[in-house]
N, C-alpha and C. Protein backbone atom coordinates (compact mmCIF):
# COMPACT_ATOMS: atom_id res chain seq x y z
N UNK A 1 0.70 -45.17 57.44
CA UNK A 1 1.84 -44.51 58.00
C UNK A 1 2.12 -43.21 57.26
N UNK A 2 2.40 -42.22 58.04
CA UNK A 2 2.76 -40.94 57.47
C UNK A 2 4.27 -40.81 57.42
N UNK A 3 4.73 -40.33 56.23
CA UNK A 3 6.17 -40.09 56.10
C UNK A 3 6.42 -38.60 56.16
N UNK A 4 7.50 -38.21 56.76
CA UNK A 4 7.85 -36.80 56.84
C UNK A 4 8.53 -36.36 55.55
N UNK A 5 8.33 -35.09 55.21
CA UNK A 5 8.99 -34.53 54.03
C UNK A 5 10.46 -34.27 54.40
N UNK A 6 11.31 -34.75 53.53
CA UNK A 6 12.74 -34.61 53.77
C UNK A 6 13.28 -33.36 53.07
N UNK A 7 14.46 -32.97 53.47
CA UNK A 7 15.10 -31.79 52.90
C UNK A 7 15.30 -31.93 51.39
N UNK A 8 15.66 -33.10 50.92
CA UNK A 8 15.85 -33.34 49.48
C UNK A 8 14.56 -33.13 48.71
N UNK A 9 13.40 -33.53 49.29
CA UNK A 9 12.11 -33.33 48.63
C UNK A 9 11.79 -31.84 48.47
N UNK A 10 12.11 -31.08 49.51
CA UNK A 10 11.86 -29.64 49.45
C UNK A 10 12.73 -28.98 48.39
N UNK A 11 13.97 -29.41 48.28
CA UNK A 11 14.89 -28.86 47.28
C UNK A 11 14.38 -29.17 45.87
N UNK A 12 13.96 -30.39 45.62
CA UNK A 12 13.47 -30.79 44.30
C UNK A 12 12.19 -30.02 43.95
N UNK A 13 11.26 -29.91 44.88
CA UNK A 13 10.01 -29.18 44.63
C UNK A 13 10.31 -27.71 44.35
N UNK A 14 11.23 -27.13 45.08
CA UNK A 14 11.60 -25.73 44.88
C UNK A 14 12.23 -25.51 43.50
N UNK A 15 13.11 -26.42 43.10
CA UNK A 15 13.74 -26.29 41.78
C UNK A 15 12.72 -26.41 40.65
N UNK A 16 11.78 -27.35 40.79
CA UNK A 16 10.74 -27.51 39.76
C UNK A 16 9.88 -26.26 39.70
N UNK A 17 9.52 -25.71 40.85
CA UNK A 17 8.71 -24.50 40.91
C UNK A 17 9.43 -23.31 40.27
N UNK A 18 10.71 -23.14 40.55
CA UNK A 18 11.50 -22.05 39.98
C UNK A 18 11.63 -22.21 38.47
N UNK A 19 11.85 -23.45 38.02
CA UNK A 19 11.95 -23.70 36.57
C UNK A 19 10.63 -23.39 35.87
N UNK A 20 9.51 -23.76 36.49
CA UNK A 20 8.20 -23.49 35.90
C UNK A 20 7.95 -21.98 35.81
N UNK A 21 8.28 -21.24 36.85
CA UNK A 21 8.11 -19.78 36.82
C UNK A 21 8.99 -19.13 35.76
N UNK A 22 10.21 -19.61 35.65
CA UNK A 22 11.13 -19.07 34.65
C UNK A 22 10.59 -19.27 33.24
N UNK A 23 10.13 -20.48 32.94
CA UNK A 23 9.56 -20.76 31.62
C UNK A 23 8.31 -19.92 31.37
N UNK A 24 7.48 -19.78 32.38
CA UNK A 24 6.26 -18.99 32.23
C UNK A 24 6.59 -17.55 31.85
N UNK A 25 7.52 -16.92 32.57
CA UNK A 25 7.84 -15.53 32.30
C UNK A 25 8.61 -15.35 30.99
N UNK A 26 9.37 -16.35 30.59
CA UNK A 26 10.08 -16.25 29.30
C UNK A 26 9.11 -16.25 28.13
N UNK A 27 8.10 -17.11 28.19
CA UNK A 27 7.17 -17.23 27.07
C UNK A 27 6.01 -16.25 27.13
N UNK A 28 5.72 -15.68 28.27
CA UNK A 28 4.59 -14.75 28.36
C UNK A 28 5.02 -13.29 28.31
N UNK A 29 6.30 -13.03 28.27
CA UNK A 29 6.79 -11.65 28.19
C UNK A 29 6.39 -11.06 26.84
N UNK A 30 5.91 -9.83 26.82
CA UNK A 30 5.51 -9.23 25.55
C UNK A 30 6.72 -9.04 24.64
N UNK A 31 6.52 -9.37 23.38
CA UNK A 31 7.60 -9.22 22.41
C UNK A 31 7.47 -7.86 21.74
N UNK A 32 8.60 -7.26 21.47
CA UNK A 32 8.58 -5.97 20.80
C UNK A 32 8.13 -6.19 19.36
N UNK A 33 7.08 -5.51 19.01
CA UNK A 33 6.52 -5.66 17.68
C UNK A 33 7.25 -4.78 16.69
N UNK A 34 7.50 -5.32 15.51
CA UNK A 34 8.13 -4.55 14.45
C UNK A 34 7.12 -3.52 13.96
N UNK A 35 7.46 -2.26 14.06
CA UNK A 35 6.53 -1.21 13.67
C UNK A 35 6.33 -1.16 12.16
N UNK A 36 7.25 -1.69 11.41
CA UNK A 36 7.13 -1.69 9.97
C UNK A 36 7.58 -0.36 9.37
N UNK A 37 7.46 -0.28 8.06
CA UNK A 37 7.85 0.93 7.35
C UNK A 37 6.78 1.30 6.33
N UNK A 38 6.74 2.56 6.00
CA UNK A 38 5.88 3.06 4.94
C UNK A 38 6.74 3.21 3.70
N UNK A 39 6.35 2.54 2.65
CA UNK A 39 7.05 2.65 1.38
C UNK A 39 6.26 3.59 0.48
N UNK A 40 6.89 4.66 0.04
CA UNK A 40 6.24 5.66 -0.81
C UNK A 40 6.87 5.58 -2.19
N UNK A 41 6.07 5.23 -3.18
CA UNK A 41 6.53 5.17 -4.57
C UNK A 41 5.94 6.35 -5.34
N UNK A 42 6.81 7.16 -5.90
CA UNK A 42 6.39 8.28 -6.74
C UNK A 42 6.98 8.01 -8.11
N UNK A 43 6.13 7.58 -9.03
CA UNK A 43 6.64 7.17 -10.34
C UNK A 43 7.54 5.96 -10.16
N UNK A 44 8.82 6.12 -10.49
CA UNK A 44 9.77 5.00 -10.34
C UNK A 44 10.64 5.14 -9.10
N UNK A 45 10.52 6.26 -8.37
CA UNK A 45 11.33 6.47 -7.16
C UNK A 45 10.60 5.91 -5.94
N UNK A 46 11.39 5.32 -5.03
CA UNK A 46 10.81 4.71 -3.83
C UNK A 46 11.55 5.24 -2.60
N UNK A 47 10.77 5.66 -1.58
CA UNK A 47 11.33 6.16 -0.33
C UNK A 47 10.63 5.45 0.82
N UNK A 48 11.35 5.24 1.94
CA UNK A 48 10.74 4.57 3.09
C UNK A 48 10.79 5.48 4.31
N UNK A 49 9.71 5.38 5.11
CA UNK A 49 9.58 6.14 6.35
C UNK A 49 9.22 5.18 7.47
N UNK A 50 9.75 5.38 8.68
CA UNK A 50 9.40 4.49 9.80
C UNK A 50 7.98 4.79 10.30
N UNK A 51 7.29 3.73 10.74
CA UNK A 51 5.94 3.90 11.27
C UNK A 51 5.92 4.10 12.78
N UNK A 52 7.06 3.90 13.44
CA UNK A 52 7.08 4.03 14.90
C UNK A 52 7.29 5.49 15.35
N UNK A 53 7.40 6.40 14.41
CA UNK A 53 7.60 7.82 14.73
C UNK A 53 6.49 8.62 14.05
N UNK A 54 5.72 9.38 14.83
CA UNK A 54 4.67 10.23 14.27
C UNK A 54 5.31 11.33 13.43
N UNK A 55 4.71 11.57 12.27
CA UNK A 55 5.31 12.53 11.34
C UNK A 55 4.25 13.02 10.36
N UNK A 56 4.47 14.15 9.77
CA UNK A 56 3.67 14.67 8.66
C UNK A 56 4.63 15.19 7.61
N UNK A 57 4.34 14.89 6.35
CA UNK A 57 5.19 15.37 5.27
C UNK A 57 4.37 15.51 3.99
N UNK A 58 4.93 16.21 3.03
CA UNK A 58 4.26 16.43 1.75
C UNK A 58 5.01 15.71 0.65
N UNK A 59 4.23 15.23 -0.31
CA UNK A 59 4.80 14.59 -1.49
C UNK A 59 4.30 15.38 -2.69
N UNK A 60 5.24 15.82 -3.52
CA UNK A 60 4.88 16.53 -4.74
C UNK A 60 5.16 15.62 -5.92
N UNK A 61 4.15 15.47 -6.75
CA UNK A 61 4.29 14.63 -7.93
C UNK A 61 3.53 15.30 -9.07
N UNK A 62 4.25 15.69 -10.07
CA UNK A 62 3.62 16.42 -11.18
C UNK A 62 3.09 17.74 -10.66
N UNK A 63 1.83 18.00 -10.88
CA UNK A 63 1.24 19.25 -10.40
C UNK A 63 0.41 19.03 -9.13
N UNK A 64 0.55 17.86 -8.51
CA UNK A 64 -0.25 17.51 -7.32
C UNK A 64 0.62 17.47 -6.06
N UNK A 65 0.00 17.82 -4.93
CA UNK A 65 0.67 17.77 -3.64
C UNK A 65 -0.19 16.96 -2.68
N UNK A 66 0.40 15.95 -2.05
CA UNK A 66 -0.30 15.13 -1.07
C UNK A 66 0.30 15.38 0.30
N UNK A 67 -0.53 15.59 1.30
CA UNK A 67 -0.07 15.72 2.68
C UNK A 67 -0.32 14.38 3.37
N UNK A 68 0.77 13.77 3.86
CA UNK A 68 0.73 12.44 4.46
C UNK A 68 0.90 12.57 5.97
N UNK A 69 0.11 11.80 6.72
CA UNK A 69 0.21 11.79 8.18
C UNK A 69 0.52 10.37 8.66
N UNK A 70 1.59 10.24 9.43
CA UNK A 70 1.94 8.97 10.09
C UNK A 70 1.68 9.18 11.57
N UNK A 71 0.78 8.39 12.14
CA UNK A 71 0.41 8.57 13.54
C UNK A 71 0.02 7.22 14.14
N UNK A 72 0.62 6.90 15.30
CA UNK A 72 0.32 5.66 16.03
C UNK A 72 0.46 4.41 15.16
N UNK A 73 1.44 4.38 14.28
CA UNK A 73 1.69 3.20 13.46
C UNK A 73 0.77 3.07 12.26
N UNK A 74 -0.03 4.09 11.96
CA UNK A 74 -0.89 4.03 10.79
C UNK A 74 -0.63 5.25 9.90
N UNK A 75 -1.11 5.17 8.67
CA UNK A 75 -0.83 6.21 7.67
C UNK A 75 -2.13 6.61 6.99
N UNK A 76 -2.24 7.89 6.66
CA UNK A 76 -3.37 8.35 5.86
C UNK A 76 -2.92 9.53 5.01
N UNK A 77 -3.67 9.77 3.94
CA UNK A 77 -3.46 10.96 3.13
C UNK A 77 -4.38 12.02 3.73
N UNK A 78 -3.80 13.00 4.34
CA UNK A 78 -4.56 14.04 5.05
C UNK A 78 -5.28 14.95 4.05
N UNK A 79 -4.59 15.32 2.99
CA UNK A 79 -5.21 16.15 1.95
C UNK A 79 -4.45 15.95 0.64
N UNK A 80 -5.16 16.26 -0.43
CA UNK A 80 -4.56 16.15 -1.76
C UNK A 80 -5.30 17.10 -2.68
N UNK A 81 -4.60 17.63 -3.67
CA UNK A 81 -5.27 18.49 -4.62
C UNK A 81 -5.56 17.77 -5.94
N UNK A 82 -5.57 16.44 -5.90
CA UNK A 82 -5.93 15.66 -7.08
C UNK A 82 -7.45 15.78 -7.31
N UNK A 83 -7.93 15.52 -8.51
CA UNK A 83 -9.34 15.77 -8.80
C UNK A 83 -10.35 14.85 -8.09
N UNK A 84 -10.05 13.57 -7.94
CA UNK A 84 -11.06 12.66 -7.39
C UNK A 84 -10.96 12.42 -5.89
N UNK A 85 -9.83 12.69 -5.27
CA UNK A 85 -9.60 12.56 -3.81
C UNK A 85 -9.87 11.15 -3.26
N UNK A 86 -9.75 10.14 -4.09
CA UNK A 86 -9.91 8.76 -3.62
C UNK A 86 -8.87 8.41 -2.57
N UNK A 87 -7.67 8.94 -2.72
CA UNK A 87 -6.60 8.67 -1.76
C UNK A 87 -6.95 9.24 -0.38
N UNK A 88 -7.59 10.38 -0.33
CA UNK A 88 -7.97 10.99 0.94
C UNK A 88 -9.09 10.17 1.60
N UNK A 89 -10.03 9.69 0.79
CA UNK A 89 -11.17 8.93 1.30
C UNK A 89 -10.82 7.48 1.62
N UNK A 90 -9.59 7.05 1.34
CA UNK A 90 -9.18 5.66 1.63
C UNK A 90 -9.06 5.40 3.12
N UNK A 91 -8.89 6.42 3.92
CA UNK A 91 -8.75 6.26 5.37
C UNK A 91 -7.34 5.87 5.76
N UNK A 92 -7.23 5.28 6.96
CA UNK A 92 -5.92 4.89 7.50
C UNK A 92 -5.58 3.46 7.11
N UNK A 93 -4.28 3.22 6.92
CA UNK A 93 -3.77 1.86 6.72
C UNK A 93 -2.73 1.60 7.79
N UNK A 94 -2.67 0.33 8.26
CA UNK A 94 -1.71 0.02 9.32
C UNK A 94 -1.16 -1.40 9.24
N UNK A 95 -1.69 -2.23 8.36
CA UNK A 95 -1.27 -3.63 8.29
C UNK A 95 -0.42 -3.88 7.05
N UNK A 96 0.48 -4.84 7.19
CA UNK A 96 1.38 -5.20 6.10
C UNK A 96 0.57 -5.53 4.84
N UNK A 97 0.98 -4.94 3.72
CA UNK A 97 0.33 -5.21 2.45
C UNK A 97 -0.76 -4.21 2.08
N UNK A 98 -1.27 -3.44 3.03
CA UNK A 98 -2.28 -2.45 2.70
C UNK A 98 -1.64 -1.29 1.94
N UNK A 99 -2.41 -0.67 1.04
CA UNK A 99 -1.86 0.45 0.30
C UNK A 99 -2.91 1.48 0.00
N UNK A 100 -2.44 2.68 -0.28
CA UNK A 100 -3.26 3.78 -0.76
C UNK A 100 -2.61 4.25 -2.05
N UNK A 101 -3.43 4.43 -3.09
CA UNK A 101 -2.89 4.87 -4.37
C UNK A 101 -3.57 6.17 -4.81
N UNK A 102 -2.79 7.09 -5.28
CA UNK A 102 -3.30 8.30 -5.91
C UNK A 102 -2.87 8.21 -7.37
N UNK A 103 -3.78 7.76 -8.21
CA UNK A 103 -3.44 7.49 -9.60
C UNK A 103 -3.08 8.77 -10.37
N UNK A 104 -3.85 9.87 -10.23
CA UNK A 104 -3.45 11.07 -10.98
C UNK A 104 -2.04 11.56 -10.63
N UNK A 105 -1.64 11.43 -9.37
CA UNK A 105 -0.31 11.88 -8.96
C UNK A 105 0.75 10.80 -9.13
N UNK A 106 0.34 9.59 -9.45
CA UNK A 106 1.25 8.45 -9.61
C UNK A 106 2.01 8.16 -8.31
N UNK A 107 1.27 8.16 -7.17
CA UNK A 107 1.85 7.93 -5.84
C UNK A 107 1.20 6.70 -5.23
N UNK A 108 2.03 5.82 -4.67
CA UNK A 108 1.54 4.63 -3.96
C UNK A 108 2.17 4.60 -2.58
N UNK A 109 1.32 4.49 -1.54
CA UNK A 109 1.77 4.35 -0.16
C UNK A 109 1.47 2.92 0.25
N UNK A 110 2.48 2.18 0.72
CA UNK A 110 2.28 0.78 1.09
C UNK A 110 3.00 0.47 2.40
N UNK A 111 2.34 -0.32 3.26
CA UNK A 111 2.94 -0.75 4.53
C UNK A 111 3.77 -1.99 4.25
N UNK A 112 5.02 -1.99 4.70
CA UNK A 112 5.92 -3.13 4.53
C UNK A 112 6.51 -3.53 5.86
N UNK A 113 6.77 -4.82 6.03
CA UNK A 113 7.55 -5.31 7.16
C UNK A 113 6.80 -5.57 8.44
N UNK A 114 5.65 -4.99 8.63
CA UNK A 114 4.92 -5.18 9.88
C UNK A 114 4.01 -6.39 9.74
N UNK A 115 4.18 -7.36 10.65
CA UNK A 115 3.33 -8.54 10.62
C UNK A 115 2.00 -8.22 11.26
N UNK A 116 0.91 -8.71 10.67
CA UNK A 116 -0.41 -8.42 11.23
C UNK A 116 -0.85 -9.45 12.25
N UNK A 117 -0.11 -10.53 12.43
CA UNK A 117 -0.43 -11.50 13.46
C UNK A 117 -1.32 -12.65 12.99
N UNK A 118 -1.85 -12.58 11.79
CA UNK A 118 -2.74 -13.63 11.29
C UNK A 118 -2.23 -14.12 9.95
N UNK A 119 -2.28 -15.42 9.75
CA UNK A 119 -1.98 -15.98 8.44
C UNK A 119 -3.23 -15.93 7.58
N UNK A 120 -4.36 -16.31 8.18
CA UNK A 120 -5.64 -16.26 7.51
C UNK A 120 -6.73 -16.33 8.57
N UNK A 121 -7.94 -16.02 8.17
CA UNK A 121 -9.08 -16.11 9.07
C UNK A 121 -10.09 -17.04 8.42
N UNK A 122 -10.47 -18.08 9.13
CA UNK A 122 -11.48 -19.01 8.63
C UNK A 122 -12.82 -18.65 9.26
N UNK A 123 -13.83 -18.60 8.44
CA UNK A 123 -15.10 -18.14 8.97
C UNK A 123 -16.10 -19.20 9.01
């Protein structure tokens, strides 16, 4: 015997379907990622810059000048007049905990606050 679908069945199925769609869109919506901050330590002084805004600035420490570039959430030392230029050759940093150090100028650039999305990687 075939039974006909009743109005109450249609209402219940519709409510379950709407609830499922609501939960799907709530959990799959992209979350705004914390852009983090750049912490610049010059000797004992510390300054912070936002990573969500592209910027270029200079840091003077002792007799050295470093040109810093913040672009697309990453940071690099564009140029420096220090003798070894290790800070320039360090490349870009963008993840929490990464840093660039210019030892002759006593400058440390470190990313703070931005989560990288991984606790650890097992290989």
